[in-house]
C-alpha atoms as a PDB file:
ATOM      1  CA  MET A   1     -21.097  -0.814  -2.193  1.00  0.00           C
ATOM      2  CA  THR A   2     -22.203   2.908  -2.401  1.00  0.00           C
ATOM      3  CA  GLU A   3     -24.404   2.523   0.642  1.00  0.00           C
ATOM      4  CA  ALA A   4     -21.236   0.990   2.279  1.00  0.00           C
ATOM      5  CA  ALA A   5     -18.737   3.792   1.125  1.00  0.00           C
ATOM      6  CA  ASP A   6     -21.370   6.443   2.209  1.00  0.00           C
ATOM      7  CA  ARG A   7     -21.859   4.874   5.403  1.00  0.00           C
ATOM      8  CA  LEU A   8     -18.009   5.204   6.369  1.00  0.00           C
ATOM      9  CA  TRP A   9     -18.349   9.067   6.484  1.00  0.00           C
ATOM     10  CA  LYS A  10     -21.599   9.001   8.695  1.00  0.00           C
ATOM     11  CA  PRO A  11     -21.288   8.768  12.347  1.00  0.00           C
ATOM     12  CA  GLY A  12     -21.363   5.028  12.568  1.00  0.00           C
ATOM     13  CA  GLY A  13     -18.108   5.008  10.528  1.00  0.00           C
ATOM     14  CA  GLN A  14     -16.286   7.051  12.591  1.00  0.00           C
ATOM     15  CA  GLN A  15     -14.590   3.997  14.257  1.00  0.00           C
ATOM     16  CA  ALA A  16     -13.422   2.707  10.895  1.00  0.00           C
ATOM     17  CA  LEU A  17     -12.524   5.973   9.471  1.00  0.00           C
ATOM     18  CA  ALA A  18     -10.209   6.678  12.253  1.00  0.00           C
ATOM     19  CA  TYR A  19      -8.791   3.057  11.661  1.00  0.00           C
ATOM     20  CA  LEU A  20      -7.657   3.976   8.278  1.00  0.00           C
ATOM     21  CA  HIS A  21      -6.497   7.159   8.951  1.00  0.00           C
ATOM     22  CA  GLY A  22      -4.416   5.503  11.499  1.00  0.00           C
ATOM     23  CA  ARG A  23      -3.019   3.358   8.704  1.00  0.00           C
ATOM     24  CA  GLY A  24      -1.775   7.018   6.769  1.00  0.00           C
ATOM     25  CA  LEU A  25      -4.338   6.882   4.309  1.00  0.00           C
ATOM     26  CA  ARG A  26      -5.769  10.104   3.414  1.00  0.00           C
ATOM     27  CA  ASP A  27      -9.375  11.250   2.980  1.00  0.00           C
ATOM     28  CA  GLU A  28      -9.143  11.602  -0.933  1.00  0.00           C
ATOM     29  CA  THR A  29      -7.229   8.334  -1.179  1.00  0.00           C
ATOM     30  CA  ILE A  30      -9.836   6.256   0.808  1.00  0.00           C
ATOM     31  CA  ARG A  31     -12.716   8.036  -1.254  1.00  0.00           C
ATOM     32  CA  ALA A  32     -10.807   7.526  -4.443  1.00  0.00           C
ATOM     33  CA  ALA A  33     -10.664   3.462  -3.836  1.00  0.00           C
ATOM     34  CA  ARG A  34     -13.896   3.798  -2.690  1.00  0.00           C
ATOM     35  CA  LEU A  35     -13.814   1.798   0.638  1.00  0.00           C
ATOM     36  CA  GLY A  36     -16.652   1.772   2.991  1.00  0.00           C
ATOM     37  CA  TRP A  37     -18.217  -0.023   6.067  1.00  0.00           C
ATOM     38  CA  THR A  38     -20.586  -2.304   7.111  1.00  0.00           C
ATOM     39  CA  PRO A  39     -21.791  -3.161  10.676  1.00  0.00           C
ATOM     40  CA  GLY A  40     -22.964  -6.544   9.544  1.00  0.00           C
ATOM     41  CA  VAL A  41     -23.905  -8.280   6.147  1.00  0.00           C
ATOM     42  CA  MET A  42     -24.712 -11.955   5.414  1.00  0.00           C
ATOM     43  CA  VAL A  43     -22.047 -13.694   2.949  1.00  0.00           C
ATOM     44  CA  PRO A  44     -22.686 -17.243   2.033  1.00  0.00           C
ATOM     45  CA  THR A  45     -20.337 -20.051   1.973  1.00  0.00           C
ATOM     46  CA  ARG A  46     -18.421 -21.169  -1.007  1.00  0.00           C
ATOM     47  CA  ASP A  47     -20.510 -24.181  -1.674  1.00  0.00           C
ATOM     48  CA  GLY A  48     -23.718 -21.713  -0.641  1.00  0.00           C
ATOM     49  CA  ASP A  49     -24.987 -24.131   2.070  1.00  0.00           C
ATOM     50  CA  ARG A  50     -25.201 -21.683   5.102  1.00  0.00           C
ATOM     51  CA  CYS A  51     -24.200 -17.966   5.602  1.00  0.00           C
ATOM     52  CA  TYR A  52     -22.243 -16.331   7.921  1.00  0.00           C
ATOM     53  CA  GLN A  53     -22.184 -12.581   9.173  1.00  0.00           C
ATOM     54  CA  ALA A  54     -18.989 -10.250   8.119  1.00  0.00           C
ATOM     55  CA  ARG A  55     -18.738  -7.012   9.493  1.00  0.00           C
ATOM     56  CA  GLY A  56     -16.191  -4.410   8.986  1.00  0.00           C
ATOM     57  CA  ILE A  57     -14.287  -2.104   6.315  1.00  0.00           C
ATOM     58  CA  THR A  58     -14.971  -2.828   2.624  1.00  0.00           C
ATOM     59  CA  ILE A  59     -13.186  -3.202   0.031  1.00  0.00           C
ATOM     60  CA  PRO A  60     -14.108  -3.267  -3.331  1.00  0.00           C
ATOM     61  CA  TRP A  61     -11.972  -4.240  -6.532  1.00  0.00           C
ATOM     62  CA  PHE A  62     -12.673  -3.103 -10.068  1.00  0.00           C
ATOM     63  CA  ASP A  63     -12.127  -4.205 -13.694  1.00  0.00           C
ATOM     64  CA  ARG A  64     -12.740  -0.631 -15.113  1.00  0.00           C
ATOM     65  CA  ASP A  65     -16.530  -0.580 -14.420  1.00  0.00           C
ATOM     66  CA  ARG A  66     -16.944  -4.118 -13.612  1.00  0.00           C
ATOM     67  CA  LEU A  67     -17.117  -5.134  -9.728  1.00  0.00           C
ATOM     68  CA  ALA A  68     -14.592  -7.576  -9.640  1.00  0.00           C
ATOM     69  CA  LEU A  69     -14.256  -8.412  -5.404  1.00  0.00           C
ATOM     70  CA  VAL A  70     -15.561  -7.186  -2.555  1.00  0.00           C
ATOM     71  CA  LYS A  71     -13.639  -7.965   0.819  1.00  0.00           C
ATOM     72  CA  ILE A  72     -14.363  -7.254   4.590  1.00  0.00           C
ATOM     73  CA  ARG A  73     -11.927  -6.573   6.800  1.00  0.00           C
ATOM     74  CA  ASP A  74     -12.574  -6.943  10.376  1.00  0.00           C
ATOM     75  CA  PRO A  75      -9.986  -4.767  12.043  1.00  0.00           C
ATOM     76  CA  ASP A  76     -10.587  -6.869  15.736  1.00  0.00           C
ATOM     77  CA  ALA A  77     -10.771 -10.408  14.153  1.00  0.00           C
ATOM     78  CA  PRO A  78      -7.849 -12.565  14.673  1.00  0.00           C
ATOM     79  CA  LYS A  79      -5.411 -12.420  11.751  1.00  0.00           C
ATOM     80  CA  PRO A  80      -6.016 -15.548   9.922  1.00  0.00           C
ATOM     81  CA  ARG A  81      -9.669 -14.420   9.792  1.00  0.00           C
ATOM     82  CA  ARG A  82      -9.355 -11.221   9.556  1.00  0.00           C
ATOM     83  CA  TYR A  83     -10.317 -10.864   5.497  1.00  0.00           C
ATOM     84  CA  LYS A  84     -13.836 -12.456   4.093  1.00  0.00           C
ATOM     85  CA  GLU A  85     -14.963 -12.152   0.587  1.00  0.00           C
ATOM     86  CA  ALA A  86     -18.472 -11.236   0.096  1.00  0.00           C
ATOM     87  CA  PHE A  87     -18.372 -11.429  -3.742  1.00  0.00           C
ATOM     88  CA  ARG A  88     -15.759 -12.676  -6.390  1.00  0.00           C
ATOM     89  CA  ASP A  89     -16.075 -12.516 -10.210  1.00  0.00           C
ATOM     90  CA  ARG A  90     -12.999 -12.948 -11.967  1.00  0.00           C
ATOM     91  CA  PRO A  91     -10.699 -10.735  -9.999  1.00  0.00           C
ATOM     92  CA  GLY A  92      -7.526  -9.630 -11.457  1.00  0.00           C
ATOM     93  CA  ILE A  93      -5.205  -6.936  -9.683  1.00  0.00           C
ATOM     94  CA  TYR A  94      -5.744  -4.411  -7.172  1.00  0.00           C
ATOM     95  CA  PRO A  95      -6.921  -1.325  -7.735  1.00  0.00           C
ATOM     96  CA  GLY A  96      -7.591  -2.371 -11.342  1.00  0.00           C
ATOM     97  CA  PRO A  97      -5.690  -2.903 -14.781  1.00  0.00           C
ATOM     98  CA  GLU A  98      -5.255   0.724 -14.940  1.00  0.00           C
ATOM     99  CA  ALA A  99      -2.908   0.992 -12.221  1.00  0.00           C
ATOM    100  CA  ILE A 100      -0.141  -0.822 -14.396  1.00  0.00           C
ATOM    101  CA  ARG A 101       1.263   1.791 -16.589  1.00  0.00           C
ATOM    102  CA  ALA A 102       3.444   1.820 -19.916  1.00  0.00           C
ATOM    103  CA  GLY A 103       7.217   2.843 -18.917  1.00  0.00           C
ATOM    104  CA  TRP A 104       6.714   3.274 -15.103  1.00  0.00           C
ATOM    105  CA  PRO A 105       8.412   1.783 -12.649  1.00  0.00           C
ATOM    106  CA  LEU A 106       6.024  -1.186 -11.255  1.00  0.00           C
ATOM    107  CA  VAL A 107       5.713  -1.901  -7.166  1.00  0.00           C
ATOM    108  CA  ILE A 108       4.171  -4.925  -6.442  1.00  0.00           C
ATOM    109  CA  GLY A 109       2.711  -5.137  -2.617  1.00  0.00           C
ATOM    110  CA  GLU A 110       0.688  -7.086  -0.287  1.00  0.00           C
ATOM    111  CA  GLY A 111      -2.399  -6.577   0.654  1.00  0.00           C
ATOM    112  CA  GLU A 112      -4.807  -3.720  -0.766  1.00  0.00           C
ATOM    113  CA  LEU A 113      -4.444  -1.001   2.298  1.00  0.00           C
ATOM    114  CA  ASP A 114      -0.539  -1.342   1.684  1.00  0.00           C
ATOM    115  CA  ALA A 115      -1.171  -0.661  -1.860  1.00  0.00           C
ATOM    116  CA  LEU A 116      -3.265   2.140  -1.197  1.00  0.00           C
ATOM    117  CA  LEU A 117      -0.367   3.174   0.936  1.00  0.00           C
ATOM    118  CA  LEU A 118       2.096   3.174  -1.630  1.00  0.00           C
ATOM    119  CA  GLY A 119      -0.099   4.455  -4.515  1.00  0.00           C
ATOM    120  CA  GLN A 120      -0.752   7.681  -2.251  1.00  0.00           C
ATOM    121  CA  GLU A 121       2.947   8.191  -1.213  1.00  0.00           C
ATOM    122  CA  LEU A 122       4.425   7.398  -4.680  1.00  0.00           C
ATOM    123  CA  HIS A 123       1.727   8.298  -7.077  1.00  0.00           C
ATOM    124  CA  ASP A 124       3.981  10.175  -9.283  1.00  0.00           C
ATOM    125  CA  LEU A 125       7.049   8.038  -9.023  1.00  0.00           C
ATOM    126  CA  ALA A 126       5.644   4.336  -9.824  1.00  0.00           C
ATOM    127  CA  ALA A 127       2.364   2.222 -10.568  1.00  0.00           C
ATOM    128  CA  ILE A 128       1.414   0.252  -7.893  1.00  0.00           C
ATOM    129  CA  MET A 129      -0.557  -2.880  -7.776  1.00  0.00           C
ATOM    130  CA  THR A 130      -1.170  -6.119  -5.818  1.00  0.00           C
ATOM    131  CA  LEU A 131      -2.891  -9.285  -6.175  1.00  0.00           C
ATOM    132  CA  GLY A 132      -4.026  -9.733  -2.352  1.00  0.00           C
ATOM    133  CA  PRO A 133      -2.151 -12.038   0.118  1.00  0.00           C
ATOM    134  CA  SER A 134       1.283 -13.214  -1.090  1.00  0.00           C
ATOM    135  CA  SER A 135       0.006 -16.669  -1.735  1.00  0.00           C
ATOM    136  CA  ASN A 136      -1.415 -15.239  -4.708  1.00  0.00           C
ATOM    137  CA  ARG A 137       0.427 -15.541  -8.009  1.00  0.00           C
ATOM    138  CA  PRO A 138      -0.070 -14.001 -11.174  1.00  0.00           C
ATOM    139  CA  ASP A 139      -1.519 -15.523 -14.285  1.00  0.00           C
ATOM    140  CA  VAL A 140      -0.670 -14.969 -17.794  1.00  0.00           C
ATOM    141  CA  GLY A 141      -2.723 -11.987 -18.065  1.00  0.00           C
ATOM    142  CA  VAL A 142      -0.919 -10.233 -15.512  1.00  0.00           C
ATOM    143  CA  ILE A 143       2.514 -10.594 -16.485  1.00  0.00           C
ATOM    144  CA  GLY A 144       2.020  -9.922 -19.596  1.00  0.00           C
ATOM    145  CA  ARG A 145       0.320  -6.597 -18.983  1.00  0.00           C
ATOM    146  CA  MET A 146       3.616  -6.170 -16.495  1.00  0.00           C
ATOM    147  CA  LEU A 147       5.877  -6.492 -19.583  1.00  0.00           C
ATOM    148  CA  CYS A 148       5.400  -2.500 -20.345  1.00  0.00           C
ATOM    149  CA  ALA A 149       7.024  -1.775 -16.581  1.00  0.00           C
ATOM    150  CA  PRO A 150      10.696  -1.343 -17.489  1.00  0.00           C
ATOM    151  CA  VAL A 151      11.611  -2.633 -14.021  1.00  0.00           C
ATOM    152  CA  ARG A 152       9.374  -4.360 -11.121  1.00  0.00           C
ATOM    153  CA  PHE A 153       9.849  -4.509  -7.888  1.00  0.00           C
ATOM    154  CA  ILE A 154       8.227  -7.231  -5.266  1.00  0.00           C
ATOM    155  CA  ALA A 155       7.551  -5.701  -2.249  1.00  0.00           C
ATOM    156  CA  LEU A 156       5.582  -7.881  -0.069  1.00  0.00           C
ATOM    157  CA  ASP A 157       5.736  -8.205   3.552  1.00  0.00           C
ATOM    158  CA  ALA A 158       9.353  -8.803   5.553  1.00  0.00           C
ATOM    159  CA  ASP A 159       8.386 -12.064   6.327  1.00  0.00           C
ATOM    160  CA  GLU A 160       9.106 -15.771   5.161  1.00  0.00           C
ATOM    161  CA  ALA A 161       5.748 -15.924   3.408  1.00  0.00           C
ATOM    162  CA  GLY A 162       6.738 -13.008   1.476  1.00  0.00           C
ATOM    163  CA  ASP A 163      10.432 -13.878   0.726  1.00  0.00           C
ATOM    164  CA  LYS A 164       9.327 -17.436  -0.716  1.00  0.00           C
ATOM    165  CA  ALA A 165       6.594 -15.714  -2.684  1.00  0.00           C
ATOM    166  CA  ALA A 166       8.908 -13.383  -4.257  1.00  0.00           C
ATOM    167  CA  LEU A 167      11.061 -16.236  -5.475  1.00  0.00           C
ATOM    168  CA  GLU A 168       8.222 -17.503  -7.660  1.00  0.00           C
ATOM    169  CA  TRP A 169       7.638 -14.314  -9.456  1.00  0.00           C
ATOM    170  CA  PRO A 170       9.587 -13.577 -13.210  1.00  0.00           C
ATOM    171  CA  ALA A 171      13.487 -13.641 -12.668  1.00  0.00           C
ATOM    172  CA  ARG A 172      13.862  -9.585 -13.260  1.00  0.00           C
ATOM    173  CA  ALA A 173      11.898  -8.559 -10.719  1.00  0.00           C
ATOM    174  CA  ILE A 174      13.563  -7.168  -7.554  1.00  0.00           C
ATOM    175  CA  ARG A 175      12.600  -8.293  -4.187  1.00  0.00           C
ATOM    176  CA  VAL A 176      12.386  -5.501  -1.899  1.00  0.00           C
ATOM    177  CA  ARG A 177      11.623  -5.904   1.940  1.00  0.00           C
ATOM    178  CA  PRO A 178       9.999  -2.998   4.082  1.00  0.00           C
ATOM    179  CA  PRO A 179      13.019  -1.141   6.183  1.00  0.00           C
ATOM    180  CA  ASP A 180      14.199  -3.394   9.509  1.00  0.00           C
ATOM    181  CA  PRO A 181      12.498  -3.937  11.921  1.00  0.00           C
ATOM    182  CA  PHE A 182       8.852  -3.214  10.142  1.00  0.00           C
ATOM    183  CA  ASN A 183       6.711  -6.502   8.563  1.00  0.00           C
ATOM    184  CA  ASP A 184       4.854  -4.015   6.403  1.00  0.00           C
ATOM    185  CA  TRP A 185       4.878  -1.199   4.661  1.00  0.00           C
ATOM    186  CA  THR A 186       2.083   0.274   6.525  1.00  0.00           C
ATOM    187  CA  GLU A 187       4.005  -0.365   9.982  1.00  0.00           C
ATOM    188  CA  ALA A 188       7.096   1.379   8.545  1.00  0.00           C
ATOM    189  CA  ALA A 189       5.004   4.611   8.124  1.00  0.00           C
ATOM    190  CA  GLN A 190       3.258   4.540  11.259  1.00  0.00           C
ATOM    191  CA  ALA A 191       6.770   4.295  13.201  1.00  0.00           C
ATOM    192  CA  GLY A 192       7.551   7.791  10.884  1.00  0.00           C
ATOM    193  CA  ILE A 193       9.542   6.296   8.205  1.00  0.00           C
ATOM    194  CA  ASP A 194       8.919   8.486   5.131  1.00  0.00           C
ATOM    195  CA  LEU A 195       8.157   5.859   2.556  1.00  0.00           C
ATOM    196  CA  ARG A 196       8.557   8.313  -0.589  1.00  0.00           C
ATOM    197  CA  CYS A 197      12.035   9.340   0.641  1.00  0.00           C
ATOM    198  CA  TRP A 198      12.584   6.033   1.212  1.00  0.00           C
ATOM    199  CA  TRP A 199      11.738   4.653  -2.153  1.00  0.00           C
ATOM    200  CA  LEU A 200      13.302   7.282  -4.079  1.00  0.00           C
ATOM    201  CA  PRO A 201      17.002   6.210  -4.277  1.00  0.00           C
ATOM    202  CA  ARG A 202      15.411   2.801  -5.224  1.00  0.00           C
ATOM    203  CA  LEU A 203      12.922   4.178  -8.020  1.00  0.00           C
ATOM    204  CA  GLY A 204      14.540   7.503  -9.503  1.00  0.00           C
ATOM    205  CA  GLY A 205      18.158   7.418  -8.382  1.00  0.00           C
ATOM    206  CA  THR A 206      20.271   9.304  -5.397  1.00  0.00           C
ATOM    207  CA  GLU A 207      19.821  12.537  -7.720  1.00  0.00           C
ATOM    208  CA  ALA A 208      15.872  12.526  -7.151  1.00  0.00           C
ATOM    209  CA  LEU A 209      16.818  11.853  -3.540  1.00  0.00           C
ATOM    210  CA  TRP A 210      18.910  15.232  -3.200  1.00  0.00           C
ATOM    211  CA  ILE A 211      16.207  17.342  -4.770  1.00  0.00           C
ATOM    212  CA  TYR A 212      13.458  15.817  -2.054  1.00  0.00           C
ATOM    213  CA  LEU A 213      15.753  16.335   0.848  1.00  0.00           C
ATOM    214  CA  ALA A 214      16.887  19.890  -0.637  1.00  0.00           C
ATOM    215  CA  ALA A 215      13.242  21.293  -0.138  1.00  0.00           C
ATOM    216  CA  LEU A 216      13.030  20.051   3.170  1.00  0.00           C
ATOM    217  CA  ARG A 217      15.786  22.781   4.368  1.00  0.00           C
ATOM    218  CA  TRP A 218      14.964  25.980   6.545  1.00  0.00           C
ATOM    219  CA  GLY A 219      16.520  28.637   8.205  1.00  0.00           C
ATOM    220  CA  PRO A 220      20.061  29.079   8.527  1.00  0.00           C
ATOM    221  CA  ALA A 221      20.506  25.482   6.961  1.00  0.00           C
ATOM    222  CA  LEU A 222      19.573  26.240   3.511  1.00  0.00           C
ATOM    223  CA  ASN A 223      22.838  26.711   2.555  1.00  0.00           C
ATOM    224  CA  ASP A 224      24.410  24.131   4.440  1.00  0.00           C
ATOM    225  CA  PRO A 225      25.548  20.383   3.225  1.00  0.00           C
ATOM    226  CA  LEU A 226      22.793  18.052   3.899  1.00  0.00           C
ATOM    227  CA  LEU A 227      25.252  15.268   4.761  1.00  0.00           C
ATOM    228  CA  ASP A 228      28.666  15.615   6.403  1.00  0.00           C
ATOM    229  CA  ASP A 229      29.962  12.276   4.788  1.00  0.00           C
ATOM    230  CA  GLY A 230      28.667  12.119   1.784  1.00  0.00           C
ATOM    231  CA  PRO A 231      25.391  10.898   0.070  1.00  0.00           C
ATOM    232  CA  ASP A 232      24.548   7.211   1.554  1.00  0.00           C
ATOM    233  CA  PRO A 233      20.885   7.270   0.122  1.00  0.00           C
ATOM    234  CA  TYR A 234      20.210   4.426   2.399  1.00  0.00           C
ATOM    235  CA  ALA A 235      21.198   5.555   5.628  1.00  0.00           C
ATOM    236  CA  LEU A 236      19.642   8.991   4.916  1.00  0.00           C
ATOM    237  CA  SER A 237      16.375   8.008   4.796  1.00  0.00           C
ATOM    238  CA  GLU A 238      16.861   6.608   8.222  1.00  0.00           C
ATOM    239  CA  ARG A 239      18.229   9.774   9.130  1.00  0.00           C
ATOM    240  CA  LEU A 240      15.331  11.584   7.643  1.00  0.00           C
ATOM    241  CA  ALA A 241      12.862   9.907   9.491  1.00  0.00           C
ATOM    242  CA  ILE A 242      14.539  10.462  12.751  1.00  0.00           C
ATOM    243  CA  ARG A 243      14.959  14.341  11.819  1.00  0.00           C
ATOM    244  CA  LYS A 244      11.004  14.193  10.795  1.00  0.00           C
ATOM    245  CA  ALA A 245      10.088  12.405  14.271  1.00  0.00           C
ATOM    246  CA  ALA A 246      11.993  15.093  16.117  1.00  0.00           C
ATOM    247  CA  VAL A 247      10.750  18.120  14.829  1.00  0.00           C
ATOM    248  CA  MET A 248       7.181  16.917  14.990  1.00  0.00           C
ATOM    249  CA  ASP A 249       7.714  16.331  18.684  1.00  0.00           C
ATOM    250  CA  ASN A 250       9.251  19.841  19.155  1.00  0.00           C
ATOM    251  CA  THR A 251       5.862  21.304  17.407  1.00  0.00           C
ATOM    252  CA  ALA A 252       3.342  19.253  19.045  1.00  0.00           C
END
């Protein structure tokens, strides 16, 4: 895994690194997750009868210091075959059991890269974890760890599989779908949605959202009211995204 992680930052890994940057991940997030790149590795099938070649971005799972799972994501492969497992040894949750923090809201995402993006944007607001695909279900051990979280948000993809999987989580969990019309959190971020702003009213109430927005004012608008029609936090996140996009267009 160390070799793959080092390769990502060398000339041969530039395309993979650009792909991760394009998903909104920052360098410090990529390094902390120990993501890597392999141009090709032979992976045995589950029955061990044969091997096949896998190439792409390496995503390691750890249980503290123990390597628990290694996935290889090929960005060029069709969706059903995009992920391949190169190693498995009793994986639990991603990025690790320490992701769940007592007293913190818990957001359960779908897929490692979406979880990393949410963790990057909400690092001081919520604990973020994933079990991988929406078809994976929490076992008794995972559910036991989750009990220390005061509230749990099931933030799986906005599709039928995600909705169906959310129904099978404990009843106190709250289903939160990515904002329309986006299927996942990465798509929303790539379209200009500020994920931190979008999640603030759900995690900390509208007061936290207004504190965040107040810091974004500049020039003559410093003392102006933020909205003419009162605080509607759900509409506000969309307006802020439009405003942010307009500013970026003007400064490009």
